[in-house]
């Protein structure tokens, strides 16, 4: 990611943070719509899960300019996800859902440049997480 892309992601997330609860609801509703099989991996009451999602996103976004600070947590999260039943092929669906949610939440502020920046950010992080959880071969297949 370029420094400009990092800035774009961080600035745009600052606009999402005030609507984080609504954004998280939108995200999970969409995820369960496009990938209903993943619903079973989540608790019935999604309140805490939505908070965890937005907290992790906030941490990742703030750490983009120094990836070394967020990679240990991303590795641990990836390995926990395996225990929940997550597979490498779920990552692209989650990424598409995240981008869809950001586009809905940001409205006219969602530009092709911003979409590319978020796509790159998610690609870097998900690639790392897939490698950590499933090994380099799974990432190459991705």
Protein backbone atom coordinates (compact mmCIF):
# COMPACT_ATOMS: atom_id res chain seq x y z
CA UNK A 1 0.00 0.00 0.00
CA UNK A 2 1.14 3.51 -0.73
CA UNK A 3 1.18 6.20 1.97
CA UNK A 4 -1.61 7.93 0.06
CA UNK A 5 -3.76 4.79 0.17
CA UNK A 6 -3.15 4.42 3.89
CA UNK A 7 -4.26 8.02 4.42
CA UNK A 8 -7.39 7.45 2.32
CA UNK A 9 -8.34 4.37 4.32
CA UNK A 10 -7.71 6.08 7.65
CA UNK A 11 -9.60 9.24 6.71
CA UNK A 12 -12.57 7.29 5.38
CA UNK A 13 -12.72 5.07 8.45
CA UNK A 14 -12.94 8.14 10.64
CA UNK A 15 -16.24 8.83 8.85
CA UNK A 16 -17.46 5.28 9.48
CA UNK A 17 -16.54 5.19 13.19
CA UNK A 18 -19.47 7.41 14.30
CA UNK A 19 -21.89 5.01 12.60
CA UNK A 20 -20.01 1.87 13.63
CA UNK A 21 -23.01 0.05 15.10
CA UNK A 22 -25.12 0.62 11.99
CA UNK A 23 -22.16 -0.30 9.77
CA UNK A 24 -21.63 -3.55 11.68
CA UNK A 25 -25.32 -4.46 11.38
CA UNK A 26 -25.19 -3.71 7.67
CA UNK A 27 -22.02 -5.81 7.30
CA UNK A 28 -23.34 -8.91 9.04
CA UNK A 29 -26.78 -8.71 7.46
CA UNK A 30 -25.11 -8.61 4.05
CA UNK A 31 -22.62 -11.36 4.93
CA UNK A 32 -25.40 -13.71 6.04
CA UNK A 33 -27.38 -12.84 2.91
CA UNK A 34 -24.55 -13.63 0.46
CA UNK A 35 -23.04 -16.51 2.46
CA UNK A 36 -25.80 -18.00 4.62
CA UNK A 37 -23.66 -21.02 5.49
CA UNK A 38 -21.39 -18.86 7.68
CA UNK A 39 -24.25 -17.83 9.99
CA UNK A 40 -23.72 -20.95 12.09
CA UNK A 41 -20.21 -19.74 12.99
CA UNK A 42 -21.62 -16.78 14.90
CA UNK A 43 -23.58 -16.40 18.13
CA UNK A 44 -27.32 -15.81 18.05
CA UNK A 45 -26.86 -12.43 19.77
CA UNK A 46 -24.48 -10.49 17.54
CA UNK A 47 -24.06 -7.44 19.81
CA UNK A 48 -20.59 -8.36 21.07
CA UNK A 49 -19.51 -9.68 17.68
CA UNK A 50 -20.39 -6.37 16.02
CA UNK A 51 -18.32 -4.51 18.62
CA UNK A 52 -15.39 -6.89 18.05
CA UNK A 53 -15.57 -6.34 14.29
CA UNK A 54 -15.49 -2.58 14.56
CA UNK A 55 -12.80 -2.66 17.24
CA UNK A 56 -10.57 -4.87 15.11
CA UNK A 57 -11.17 -2.70 12.05
CA UNK A 58 -10.27 0.41 14.04
CA UNK A 59 -7.06 -1.22 15.28
CA UNK A 60 -6.08 -2.42 11.82
CA UNK A 61 -6.81 0.90 10.15
CA UNK A 62 -4.84 2.85 12.74
CA UNK A 63 -1.92 0.41 12.39
CA UNK A 64 -1.70 0.41 8.61
CA UNK A 65 1.26 2.77 8.59
CA UNK A 66 3.17 0.36 10.84
CA UNK A 67 2.01 -3.15 9.95
CA UNK A 68 4.37 -4.75 12.43
CA UNK A 69 2.20 -3.46 15.24
CA UNK A 70 -0.94 -5.23 14.02
CA UNK A 71 0.41 -8.45 12.49
CA UNK A 72 0.66 -10.42 15.77
CA UNK A 73 -3.01 -9.71 16.55
CA UNK A 74 -3.99 -10.51 12.95
CA UNK A 75 -2.13 -13.83 13.17
CA UNK A 76 -3.85 -14.77 16.42
CA UNK A 77 -7.24 -13.78 15.00
CA UNK A 78 -6.66 -15.84 11.86
CA UNK A 79 -5.81 -18.91 13.93
CA UNK A 80 -8.89 -18.42 16.14
CA UNK A 81 -11.04 -18.18 13.01
CA UNK A 82 -9.91 -21.67 11.98
CA UNK A 83 -11.36 -22.97 15.24
CA UNK A 84 -14.68 -21.31 14.41
CA UNK A 85 -14.81 -23.10 11.06
CA UNK A 86 -13.57 -20.29 8.82
CA UNK A 87 -11.86 -21.38 5.62
CA UNK A 88 -9.54 -19.56 3.25
CA UNK A 89 -12.36 -19.26 0.70
CA UNK A 90 -14.41 -17.20 3.17
CA UNK A 91 -11.94 -14.32 3.08
CA UNK A 92 -12.90 -13.01 -0.39
CA UNK A 93 -16.59 -13.07 0.58
CA UNK A 94 -15.85 -11.13 3.77
CA UNK A 95 -13.74 -8.66 1.79
CA UNK A 96 -16.48 -8.08 -0.76
CA UNK A 97 -18.97 -7.61 2.06
CA UNK A 98 -16.69 -5.12 3.78
CA UNK A 99 -16.28 -3.10 0.59
CA UNK A 100 -20.05 -3.18 -0.01
CA UNK A 101 -20.66 -1.98 3.55
CA UNK A 102 -18.15 0.85 3.22
CA UNK A 103 -19.66 1.92 -0.09
CA UNK A 104 -23.15 2.02 1.48
CA UNK A 105 -21.92 3.80 4.60
CA UNK A 106 -19.77 6.39 2.84
CA UNK A 107 -22.14 7.13 -0.03
CA UNK A 108 -20.77 9.80 -2.37
CA UNK A 109 -17.43 9.79 -0.55
CA UNK A 110 -16.82 6.27 -1.94
CA UNK A 111 -14.60 6.83 -4.97
CA UNK A 112 -12.68 4.46 -7.23
CA UNK A 113 -9.46 5.54 -5.50
CA UNK A 114 -10.92 4.82 -2.08
CA UNK A 115 -12.24 1.46 -3.25
CA UNK A 116 -8.78 0.57 -4.56
CA UNK A 117 -7.15 1.62 -1.29
CA UNK A 118 -9.53 -0.49 0.81
CA UNK A 119 -9.18 -3.40 -1.60
CA UNK A 120 -5.40 -3.25 -1.24
CA UNK A 121 -5.61 -2.94 2.55
CA UNK A 122 -7.92 -5.92 2.81
CA UNK A 123 -5.78 -7.88 0.36
CA UNK A 124 -2.62 -7.32 2.38
CA UNK A 125 -4.25 -8.25 5.67
CA UNK A 126 -6.31 -11.19 4.42
CA UNK A 127 -3.35 -12.60 2.51
CA UNK A 128 -1.30 -12.51 5.69
CA UNK A 129 -4.09 -14.03 7.76
CA UNK A 130 -4.67 -16.85 5.26
CA UNK A 131 -0.97 -17.61 5.24
CA UNK A 132 -0.83 -17.63 9.03
CA UNK A 133 -3.92 -19.81 9.43
CA UNK A 134 -3.61 -22.22 6.54
CA UNK A 135 -0.04 -21.88 5.29
CA UNK A 136 1.47 -20.31 2.20
CA UNK A 137 -0.11 -22.86 -0.14
CA UNK A 138 -3.64 -21.70 0.76
CA UNK A 139 -2.65 -18.09 0.09
CA UNK A 140 -1.22 -19.02 -3.31
CA UNK A 141 -4.48 -20.77 -4.18
CA UNK A 142 -6.33 -17.64 -3.11
